[in-house]
Amino acid sequence: MNVRVSRTRGKAANRRRQPGRTLARVFAGWRTGLSGPVIVLQAGTAVNYFGTGLVLPFEIIYLHQARGFSTATAGLVLAAVMGTAAVVTPPSGALLDRFRAKPILITGNLASALGYAGFAFVDHPWQAFVCAAVGGAGFGVANTANQVLSLTLVSAEQRASSIALRRVAGNFGLGSGATVAGFIVASANDLRAFQALYLFDGVTFAVFALVVLVGIPNPRAAHAAPASDRGTGFRAVAHDRLFLILIAANIVLVMTGGALFSNILAPFAKAHTPVGPGELGIVFFINTFFIVVAQIPATRVVQRMRRTHALAATSALFAIGLLAVLLATLTSSTLTATTVLAGVAIVIAIGECAQFIVLGPIVADLAPPHLLGRYMSLYGLAFTAGVALGPAVGGALLATSADAVWWGGALAAALTGAGLLRLGNRIPDPLLQAQRPPPASHQRGRYGLRLAQPDE
């Protein structure tokens, strides 16, 4: 009898422990092993992107509805933000190779705070363009400085985890900010509500600058290397053919993956599927939510793969996701089409999770320490180019042949993946380095003497 009672109690205790063990496994997948300053830095990034999310969906609405600008002028103002950010990105990389990243990041955030808060008080287009130039310049400088500072605070083995955490912070901030702003605009769609959003956005940039000032160390910049036959500065970067190939591949992947999904899916689905705006909102929410939840655990999975294989898998996922969009046109059921597009959102999200945590560390590994700022600035510029070219190319194709957007994008992604796979051992890879035995000439005995080999 006592044995039966003890067994019953043991089974009950095991049942009580199971939920706890499951939660422990879930949270274990989110452990990054990163230091406190890195976590604080990305917490500041989340706050900053929360402010960006407050204004991002409503910028054209605000300038057109509340300030009386034409939609064309409002669009040009927004283009000026990204255009200025793109122009200042390479010079900011050169600046980061000479000076420490922390003060540059603070300066960039303060400039963005001034520019975005200024949007709350614009009455004329020229004022909006000035604010766009100031805010865009600050954004371009701060974005590159944030990447460089994040990389200098971690070891080479932690780069993927650091990039993953930064991406989670950015997506979480944008998504939550846009959600809060939606409720605010829905309840008070007037000038003062929009002004409050822009002012609060400016405050988040200033808060981020304060977080960096108080909570982040100030590591030294790498000393400049002596001049070589390949030149210095951006001339040296231009001679790195592998880096240039990866940059070109990244532009294609950003265009075909994130940009086509984010910018072209909505007008295509509205015209060619039974899916409406409400269902599209759910689809985009699933994409963002999946990135936030899966990005850090995905890092552990990708780190077990060869980098070339991970990049090829990313390209394949983008190709599959883009082709799957066409399946939503084959049904008249709103539920079925929404389910298909939700699956597309998840497939694209998985590809994006892998893309950033593979390419970012590769670029950092390729960059000499004294050129890290320039390498990361061009890497960031390639992302901006992909984001800009995606809707431009996709919109042109959508006007001529709607289906061509998706099978053409899938073909481009597949060819890019095949090209990356052919790079093979040219891409630096920790797994390959771990598998290679040390050269015989480097094997030394207990007292530092080289051991003789059997064939010597």
Protein backbone atom coordinates (compact mmCIF):
# COMPACT_ATOMS: atom_id res chain seq x y z
CA MET A 1 0.00 0.00 0.00
CA ASN A 2 2.79 2.44 0.92
CA VAL A 3 4.54 1.66 -2.38
CA ARG A 4 1.38 2.45 -4.35
CA VAL A 5 0.85 5.72 -2.47
CA SER A 6 4.45 6.81 -3.04
CA ARG A 7 4.19 6.00 -6.77
CA THR A 8 0.97 7.99 -7.04
CA ARG A 9 2.54 10.94 -5.28
CA GLY A 10 5.60 10.67 -7.54
CA LYS A 11 3.47 10.75 -10.70
CA ALA A 12 1.54 13.76 -9.42
CA ALA A 13 4.77 15.57 -8.62
CA ASN A 14 6.11 14.82 -12.12
CA ARG A 15 2.94 16.23 -13.66
CA ARG A 16 3.37 19.42 -11.65
CA ARG A 17 7.01 19.69 -12.73
CA GLN A 18 6.29 19.21 -16.46
CA PRO A 19 4.90 22.71 -17.14
CA GLY A 20 7.85 24.19 -15.28
CA ARG A 21 10.31 22.14 -17.31
CA THR A 22 8.58 23.14 -20.54
CA LEU A 23 8.77 26.83 -19.62
CA ALA A 24 12.41 26.41 -18.65
CA ARG A 25 13.18 24.93 -22.08
CA VAL A 26 11.35 27.78 -23.82
CA PHE A 27 13.23 30.45 -21.88
CA ALA A 28 16.51 28.56 -22.36
CA GLY A 29 16.10 29.08 -26.11
CA TRP A 30 16.03 32.83 -25.47
CA ARG A 31 19.25 32.92 -23.49
CA THR A 32 21.87 34.80 -25.45
CA GLY A 33 24.80 34.78 -23.03
CA LEU A 34 25.39 38.44 -23.88
CA SER A 35 26.79 40.88 -21.34
CA GLY A 36 24.72 43.47 -19.48
CA PRO A 37 25.84 46.47 -21.57
CA VAL A 38 24.77 44.74 -24.80
CA ILE A 39 21.33 43.96 -23.35
CA VAL A 40 20.99 47.55 -22.09
CA LEU A 41 21.98 48.86 -25.53
CA GLN A 42 19.32 46.79 -27.27
CA ALA A 43 16.72 47.73 -24.66
CA GLY A 44 17.43 51.33 -25.66
CA THR A 45 17.04 50.28 -29.29
CA ALA A 46 13.59 48.86 -28.49
CA VAL A 47 12.53 52.15 -26.86
CA ASN A 48 13.87 54.07 -29.85
CA TYR A 49 12.04 51.92 -32.39
CA PHE A 50 8.87 52.14 -30.31
CA GLY A 51 8.91 55.87 -31.01
CA THR A 52 9.54 55.22 -34.71
CA GLY A 53 6.59 52.82 -34.77
CA LEU A 54 4.36 55.56 -33.35
CA VAL A 55 4.76 57.76 -36.43
CA LEU A 56 5.77 55.40 -39.25
CA PRO A 57 2.29 54.25 -40.38
CA PHE A 58 0.79 57.75 -40.23
CA GLU A 59 3.46 60.06 -41.66
CA ILE A 60 1.76 60.68 -45.01
CA ILE A 61 -1.65 60.92 -43.31
CA TYR A 62 -0.31 63.56 -40.91
CA LEU A 63 1.41 65.68 -43.54
CA HIS A 64 -1.54 65.47 -45.95
CA GLN A 65 -4.51 65.57 -43.59
CA ALA A 66 -3.25 67.71 -40.70
CA ARG A 67 -0.77 69.97 -42.55
CA GLY A 68 -2.41 70.23 -45.97
CA PHE A 69 0.53 68.96 -48.05
CA SER A 70 -0.24 67.06 -51.24
CA THR A 71 0.33 63.32 -51.07
CA ALA A 72 3.16 63.69 -53.62
CA THR A 73 4.92 66.25 -51.42
CA ALA A 74 4.39 64.10 -48.33
CA GLY A 75 5.90 61.12 -50.15
CA LEU A 76 8.93 63.20 -51.16
CA VAL A 77 9.43 64.27 -47.54
CA LEU A 78 9.55 60.64 -46.45
CA ALA A 79 11.89 59.83 -49.34
CA ALA A 80 14.14 62.66 -48.17
CA VAL A 81 14.50 60.95 -44.78
CA MET A 82 15.78 57.69 -46.28
CA GLY A 83 17.75 59.51 -48.99
CA THR A 84 19.63 61.60 -46.45
CA ALA A 85 20.24 58.53 -44.30
CA ALA A 86 21.70 56.72 -47.32
CA VAL A 87 23.95 59.68 -48.24
CA VAL A 88 25.45 60.01 -44.74
CA THR A 89 25.92 56.27 -44.15
CA PRO A 90 29.32 55.84 -45.93
CA PRO A 91 30.86 58.97 -44.33
CA SER A 92 29.62 57.78 -40.95
CA GLY A 93 31.48 54.49 -41.55
CA ALA A 94 34.70 56.40 -42.22
CA LEU A 95 34.09 58.47 -39.10
CA LEU A 96 33.60 55.32 -37.02
CA ASP A 97 36.97 53.97 -38.19
CA ARG A 98 38.68 57.02 -36.69
CA PHE A 99 36.62 57.77 -33.56
CA ARG A 100 34.77 55.77 -30.92
CA ALA A 101 31.25 54.61 -31.68
CA LYS A 102 29.61 55.73 -28.44
CA PRO A 103 29.81 59.53 -28.89
CA ILE A 104 28.85 59.17 -32.57
CA LEU A 105 25.77 57.13 -31.63
CA ILE A 106 24.75 59.74 -29.05
CA THR A 107 25.21 62.56 -31.57
CA GLY A 108 23.16 60.75 -34.22
CA ASN A 109 20.30 60.12 -31.81
CA LEU A 110 20.22 63.74 -30.65
CA ALA A 111 20.07 64.89 -34.28
CA SER A 112 17.18 62.50 -34.94
CA ALA A 113 15.43 63.72 -31.78
CA LEU A 114 15.63 67.29 -33.07
CA GLY A 115 14.47 66.38 -36.57
CA TYR A 116 11.52 64.17 -35.65
CA ALA A 117 10.30 66.43 -32.84
CA GLY A 118 10.46 69.30 -35.33
CA PHE A 119 7.89 67.53 -37.54
CA ALA A 120 5.28 68.36 -34.89
CA PHE A 121 5.55 72.08 -35.72
CA VAL A 122 5.99 72.19 -39.53
CA ASP A 123 3.62 74.49 -41.41
CA HIS A 124 5.33 74.62 -44.82
CA PRO A 125 6.95 71.94 -47.02
CA TRP A 126 10.43 73.49 -46.75
CA GLN A 127 10.28 73.09 -42.97
CA ALA A 128 9.34 69.43 -43.37
CA PHE A 129 12.26 68.87 -45.74
CA VAL A 130 14.66 70.45 -43.24
CA CYS A 131 13.35 68.18 -40.47
CA ALA A 132 13.61 65.20 -42.82
CA ALA A 133 17.23 66.03 -43.63
CA VAL A 134 18.20 66.44 -39.95
CA GLY A 135 16.29 63.38 -38.78
CA GLY A 136 17.50 61.25 -41.70
CA ALA A 137 21.12 62.25 -41.17
CA GLY A 138 20.88 61.37 -37.50
CA PHE A 139 19.24 58.06 -38.33
CA GLY A 140 21.93 57.12 -40.86
CA VAL A 141 24.77 57.96 -38.48
CA ALA A 142 23.16 56.31 -35.45
CA ASN A 143 22.20 53.13 -37.29
CA THR A 144 25.79 52.44 -38.39
CA ALA A 145 27.20 53.47 -35.01
CA ASN A 146 24.77 51.13 -33.22
CA GLN A 147 25.93 48.20 -35.35
CA VAL A 148 29.62 48.94 -34.80
CA LEU A 149 29.20 49.52 -31.06
CA SER A 150 27.23 46.28 -30.70
CA LEU A 151 29.99 44.33 -32.47
CA THR A 152 32.80 45.87 -30.43
CA LEU A 153 31.07 44.91 -27.17
CA VAL A 154 30.94 41.16 -27.97
CA SER A 155 33.31 38.41 -28.99
CA ALA A 156 33.34 36.96 -32.52
CA GLU A 157 31.33 33.95 -31.29
CA GLN A 158 28.59 36.23 -29.93
CA ARG A 159 28.10 38.36 -33.05
CA ALA A 160 25.13 36.39 -34.34
CA SER A 161 23.38 36.55 -30.95
CA SER A 162 24.02 40.29 -30.71
CA ILE A 163 22.60 40.91 -34.19
CA ALA A 164 19.61 38.68 -33.38
CA LEU A 165 18.85 40.59 -30.18
CA ARG A 166 19.11 43.92 -32.01
CA ARG A 167 16.68 42.68 -34.65
CA VAL A 168 14.23 41.45 -32.00
CA ALA A 169 14.43 44.80 -30.21
CA GLY A 170 13.77 46.72 -33.43
CA ASN A 171 10.82 44.60 -34.56
CA PHE A 172 9.26 44.54 -31.11
CA GLY A 173 9.59 48.30 -30.80
CA LEU A 174 8.15 49.00 -34.25
CA GLY A 175 5.23 46.60 -33.83
CA SER A 176 4.24 47.76 -30.37
CA GLY A 177 4.64 51.44 -31.29
CA ALA A 178 2.45 51.09 -34.39
CA THR A 179 -0.20 49.24 -32.35
CA VAL A 180 -0.33 51.94 -29.66
CA ALA A 181 -0.39 54.71 -32.29
CA GLY A 182 -3.30 53.02 -34.04
CA PHE A 183 -5.41 53.22 -30.89
CA ILE A 184 -4.39 56.85 -30.29
CA VAL A 185 -5.22 57.98 -33.83
CA ALA A 186 -8.48 56.03 -33.79
CA SER A 187 -9.61 57.79 -30.60
CA ALA A 188 -8.29 61.29 -31.38
CA ASN A 189 -7.62 61.87 -35.08
CA ASP A 190 -6.60 65.52 -34.84
CA LEU A 191 -3.55 67.76 -35.04
CA ARG A 192 -2.69 67.57 -31.35
CA ALA A 193 -2.67 63.76 -31.38
CA PHE A 194 -0.19 63.71 -34.28
CA GLN A 195 1.94 66.38 -32.62
CA ALA A 196 2.06 64.32 -29.43
CA LEU A 197 3.20 61.26 -31.39
CA TYR A 198 6.06 63.13 -33.07
CA LEU A 199 7.15 64.80 -29.85
CA PHE A 200 7.17 61.47 -28.05
CA ASP A 201 9.15 59.97 -30.93
CA GLY A 202 11.74 62.71 -30.45
CA VAL A 203 11.83 61.95 -26.72
CA THR A 204 12.61 58.26 -27.42
CA PHE A 205 15.68 59.25 -29.45
CA ALA A 206 16.83 61.44 -26.57
CA VAL A 207 16.17 58.63 -24.07
CA PHE A 208 18.22 56.25 -26.21
CA ALA A 209 21.09 58.76 -26.23
CA LEU A 210 20.86 58.98 -22.42
CA VAL A 211 20.89 55.18 -22.09
CA VAL A 212 24.04 54.98 -24.22
CA LEU A 213 25.69 57.81 -22.26
CA VAL A 214 25.02 56.28 -18.84
CA GLY A 215 24.93 52.53 -19.37
CA ILE A 216 27.29 51.65 -22.24
CA PRO A 217 31.12 51.44 -22.14
CA ASN A 218 33.22 53.44 -24.58
CA PRO A 219 35.61 50.94 -26.27
CA ARG A 220 38.53 52.35 -28.19
CA ALA A 221 38.47 52.54 -31.97
CA ALA A 222 40.90 50.32 -33.84
CA HIS A 223 44.15 51.99 -34.93
CA ALA A 224 44.50 52.62 -38.64
CA ALA A 225 46.56 50.04 -40.51
CA PRO A 226 49.50 51.08 -42.67
CA ALA A 227 48.79 51.78 -46.32
CA SER A 228 49.03 48.81 -48.68
CA ASP A 229 49.00 48.20 -52.42
CA ARG A 230 45.21 47.95 -52.27
CA GLY A 231 44.91 51.48 -50.93
CA THR A 232 43.26 52.73 -47.79
CA GLY A 233 39.73 53.55 -46.73
CA PHE A 234 36.98 52.72 -49.21
CA ARG A 235 39.58 51.86 -51.88
CA ALA A 236 40.66 48.94 -49.72
CA VAL A 237 37.04 47.88 -49.25
CA ALA A 238 36.44 48.04 -53.02
CA HIS A 239 39.25 45.51 -53.57
CA ASP A 240 37.48 42.92 -51.39
CA ARG A 241 35.64 41.04 -54.14
CA LEU A 242 34.04 38.55 -51.76
CA PHE A 243 32.54 41.39 -49.73
CA LEU A 244 31.19 43.06 -52.88
CA ILE A 245 29.59 39.79 -54.00
CA LEU A 246 27.92 39.39 -50.60
CA ILE A 247 26.67 42.98 -50.70
CA ALA A 248 25.13 42.44 -54.16
CA ALA A 249 23.55 39.18 -52.98
CA ASN A 250 22.16 40.93 -49.89
CA ILE A 251 20.50 43.61 -52.06
CA VAL A 252 18.76 40.88 -54.09
CA LEU A 253 17.66 39.01 -50.96
CA VAL A 254 16.28 42.15 -49.32
CA MET A 255 14.44 43.05 -52.54
CA THR A 256 12.95 39.61 -53.13
CA GLY A 257 12.30 38.68 -49.52
CA GLY A 258 11.37 41.48 -47.16
CA ALA A 259 10.64 44.31 -49.62
CA LEU A 260 8.30 42.44 -51.99
CA PHE A 261 6.45 40.91 -49.04
CA SER A 262 6.14 44.21 -47.16
CA ASN A 263 5.30 46.55 -50.07
CA ILE A 264 3.82 44.55 -52.95
CA LEU A 265 1.81 41.81 -51.22
CA ALA A 266 -0.96 44.15 -49.99
CA PRO A 267 -1.91 45.73 -53.35
CA PHE A 268 -1.55 42.36 -55.12
CA ALA A 269 -3.72 40.53 -52.57
CA LYS A 270 -6.37 43.26 -52.64
CA ALA A 271 -6.66 43.02 -56.44
CA HIS A 272 -6.23 39.28 -57.03
CA THR A 273 -7.35 37.43 -53.86
CA PRO A 274 -10.43 37.52 -51.61
CA VAL A 275 -8.30 38.82 -48.74
CA GLY A 276 -9.22 42.24 -47.33
CA PRO A 277 -7.38 44.85 -45.24
CA GLY A 278 -8.28 43.19 -41.95
CA GLU A 279 -6.88 39.84 -43.02
CA LEU A 280 -3.75 41.50 -44.41
CA GLY A 281 -3.20 43.15 -41.05
CA ILE A 282 -3.25 39.72 -39.45
CA VAL A 283 -0.78 38.39 -42.04
CA PHE A 284 1.73 41.18 -41.39
CA PHE A 285 1.29 40.82 -37.64
CA ILE A 286 2.11 37.10 -37.91
CA ASN A 287 5.28 37.92 -39.84
CA THR A 288 6.51 40.45 -37.28
CA PHE A 289 5.45 38.36 -34.28
CA PHE A 290 7.22 35.28 -35.64
CA ILE A 291 10.45 37.24 -36.12
CA VAL A 292 10.31 38.55 -32.55
CA VAL A 293 9.64 35.11 -31.07
CA ALA A 294 11.85 32.95 -33.29
CA GLN A 295 14.86 35.17 -34.05
CA ILE A 296 17.00 34.31 -31.00
CA PRO A 297 16.21 30.55 -30.92
CA ALA A 298 16.88 30.48 -34.69
CA THR A 299 20.39 31.72 -33.97
CA ARG A 300 21.23 28.45 -32.21
CA VAL A 301 19.94 26.43 -35.15
CA VAL A 302 21.79 28.45 -37.80
CA GLN A 303 25.07 28.33 -35.87
CA ARG A 304 25.07 24.54 -36.34
CA MET A 305 24.96 24.97 -40.14
CA ARG A 306 27.62 25.84 -42.68
CA ARG A 307 27.19 29.50 -43.57
CA THR A 308 26.92 28.79 -47.29
CA HIS A 309 24.21 26.22 -46.57
CA ALA A 310 22.33 28.69 -44.35
CA LEU A 311 22.45 31.36 -47.07
CA ALA A 312 21.27 28.88 -49.69
CA ALA A 313 18.44 27.81 -47.37
CA THR A 314 17.48 31.46 -46.88
CA SER A 315 17.27 31.97 -50.64
CA ALA A 316 15.22 28.79 -51.02
CA LEU A 317 12.79 29.91 -48.31
CA PHE A 318 12.30 33.27 -50.05
CA ALA A 319 11.71 31.52 -53.39
CA ILE A 320 9.18 29.11 -51.85
CA GLY A 321 7.39 31.91 -50.01
CA LEU A 322 7.11 34.10 -53.11
CA LEU A 323 5.76 31.28 -55.28
CA ALA A 324 3.27 30.31 -52.55
CA VAL A 325 1.66 33.77 -52.84
CA LEU A 326 0.22 32.65 -56.18
CA LEU A 327 -1.66 29.83 -54.43
CA ALA A 328 -3.85 32.43 -52.72
CA THR A 329 -5.22 33.44 -56.14
CA LEU A 330 -6.57 29.92 -56.80
CA THR A 331 -9.31 30.04 -54.14
CA SER A 332 -12.42 32.14 -53.55
CA SER A 333 -12.39 31.40 -49.81
CA THR A 334 -11.19 34.29 -47.67
CA LEU A 335 -10.17 31.91 -44.87
CA THR A 336 -8.15 29.67 -47.20
CA ALA A 337 -6.40 32.58 -48.91
CA THR A 338 -5.60 34.17 -45.54
CA THR A 339 -4.20 30.87 -44.29
CA VAL A 340 -1.98 30.58 -47.37
CA LEU A 341 -0.66 34.12 -46.94
CA ALA A 342 -0.11 33.53 -43.22
CA GLY A 343 2.05 30.55 -44.20
CA VAL A 344 3.92 32.80 -46.61
CA ALA A 345 4.47 35.30 -43.78
CA ILE A 346 6.01 32.58 -41.59
CA VAL A 347 8.25 31.23 -44.38
CA ILE A 348 9.51 34.74 -45.21
CA ALA A 349 10.06 35.41 -41.49
CA ILE A 350 12.19 32.27 -41.12
CA GLY A 351 14.27 33.33 -44.12
CA GLU A 352 14.75 36.82 -42.68
CA CYS A 353 15.80 35.36 -39.32
CA ALA A 354 18.57 33.40 -41.01
CA GLN A 355 19.59 36.15 -43.45
CA PHE A 356 20.58 38.73 -40.86
CA ILE A 357 22.33 36.46 -38.38
CA VAL A 358 24.46 34.92 -41.14
CA LEU A 359 25.38 37.88 -43.34
CA GLY A 360 26.09 40.29 -40.47
CA PRO A 361 28.75 38.10 -38.80
CA ILE A 362 30.30 37.28 -42.20
CA VAL A 363 30.76 40.99 -42.95
CA ALA A 364 32.24 41.55 -39.48
CA ASP A 365 34.64 38.61 -40.01
CA LEU A 366 35.74 39.92 -43.41
CA ALA A 367 36.37 43.44 -42.14
CA PRO A 368 39.85 44.36 -40.87
CA PRO A 369 39.43 46.02 -37.44
CA HIS A 370 40.47 49.43 -38.77
CA LEU A 371 37.83 49.23 -41.54
CA LEU A 372 34.91 47.82 -39.55
CA GLY A 373 32.95 51.07 -39.76
CA ARG A 374 33.27 51.27 -43.55
CA TYR A 375 32.31 47.62 -44.04
CA MET A 376 29.25 47.91 -41.79
CA SER A 377 28.19 51.20 -43.38
CA LEU A 378 28.19 49.66 -46.86
CA TYR A 379 26.39 46.61 -45.52
CA GLY A 380 23.71 48.90 -44.07
CA LEU A 381 23.59 50.88 -47.32
CA ALA A 382 22.94 47.65 -49.24
CA PHE A 383 19.94 46.99 -47.01
CA THR A 384 18.61 50.50 -47.68
CA ALA A 385 19.13 49.97 -51.43
CA GLY A 386 17.22 46.70 -51.31
CA VAL A 387 14.34 48.29 -49.39
CA ALA A 388 14.18 51.12 -51.96
CA LEU A 389 14.56 48.96 -55.08
CA GLY A 390 12.08 46.29 -53.96
CA PRO A 391 8.91 48.40 -54.23
CA ALA A 392 10.24 50.24 -57.30
CA VAL A 393 10.92 47.05 -59.29
CA GLY A 394 7.93 45.23 -57.82
CA GLY A 395 5.58 48.11 -58.61
CA ALA A 396 6.76 48.21 -62.22
CA LEU A 397 6.26 44.46 -62.62
CA LEU A 398 2.88 44.64 -60.87
CA ALA A 399 1.71 47.14 -63.48
CA THR A 400 2.70 44.89 -66.39
CA SER A 401 2.26 41.31 -65.14
CA ALA A 402 1.09 40.70 -61.58
CA ASP A 403 2.22 37.06 -61.47
CA ALA A 404 5.68 37.99 -62.77
CA VAL A 405 6.44 39.75 -59.47
CA TRP A 406 6.33 36.46 -57.60
CA TRP A 407 7.86 33.97 -60.01
CA GLY A 408 10.45 36.54 -61.10
CA GLY A 409 11.35 37.28 -57.48
CA ALA A 410 11.51 33.56 -56.71
CA LEU A 411 13.84 32.98 -59.69
CA ALA A 412 16.13 35.84 -58.59
CA ALA A 413 16.26 34.49 -55.03
CA ALA A 414 17.00 30.95 -56.22
CA LEU A 415 19.80 32.08 -58.55
CA THR A 416 21.30 34.17 -55.75
CA GLY A 417 21.24 31.16 -53.43
CA ALA A 418 22.95 29.00 -56.05
CA GLY A 419 25.64 31.65 -56.51
CA LEU A 420 26.23 31.90 -52.75
CA LEU A 421 26.45 28.13 -52.49
CA ARG A 422 29.23 28.12 -55.10
CA LEU A 423 31.34 30.42 -52.93
CA GLY A 424 31.94 27.41 -50.66
CA ASN A 425 35.07 27.67 -48.55
CA ARG A 426 35.74 31.28 -49.58
CA ILE A 427 33.23 32.40 -46.94
CA PRO A 428 34.79 32.43 -43.45
CA ASP A 429 33.02 29.82 -41.36
CA PRO A 430 33.58 28.89 -37.68
CA LEU A 431 32.42 25.31 -38.35
CA LEU A 432 35.08 24.80 -41.04
CA GLN A 433 37.76 26.31 -38.83
CA ALA A 434 36.81 23.98 -35.99
CA GLN A 435 36.95 20.91 -38.27
CA ARG A 436 40.38 21.69 -39.72
CA PRO A 437 43.28 20.13 -37.76
CA PRO A 438 46.13 22.49 -36.90
CA PRO A 439 49.04 22.37 -39.40
CA ALA A 440 51.85 19.97 -38.51
CA SER A 441 54.37 22.79 -38.35
CA HIS A 442 52.35 24.38 -35.55
CA GLN A 443 52.19 21.30 -33.30
CA ARG A 444 54.48 21.83 -30.34
CA GLY A 445 55.49 19.76 -27.40
CA ARG A 446 55.22 20.45 -23.72
CA TYR A 447 58.19 22.83 -23.68
CA GLY A 448 57.30 24.70 -26.90
CA LEU A 449 59.48 22.53 -29.21
CA ARG A 450 57.97 21.37 -32.50
CA LEU A 451 57.30 17.65 -32.45
CA ALA A 452 58.86 15.61 -35.26
CA GLN A 453 56.40 13.91 -37.60
CA PRO A 454 56.70 10.21 -38.57
CA ASP A 455 57.69 11.01 -42.15
CA GLU A 456 60.47 13.46 -41.22
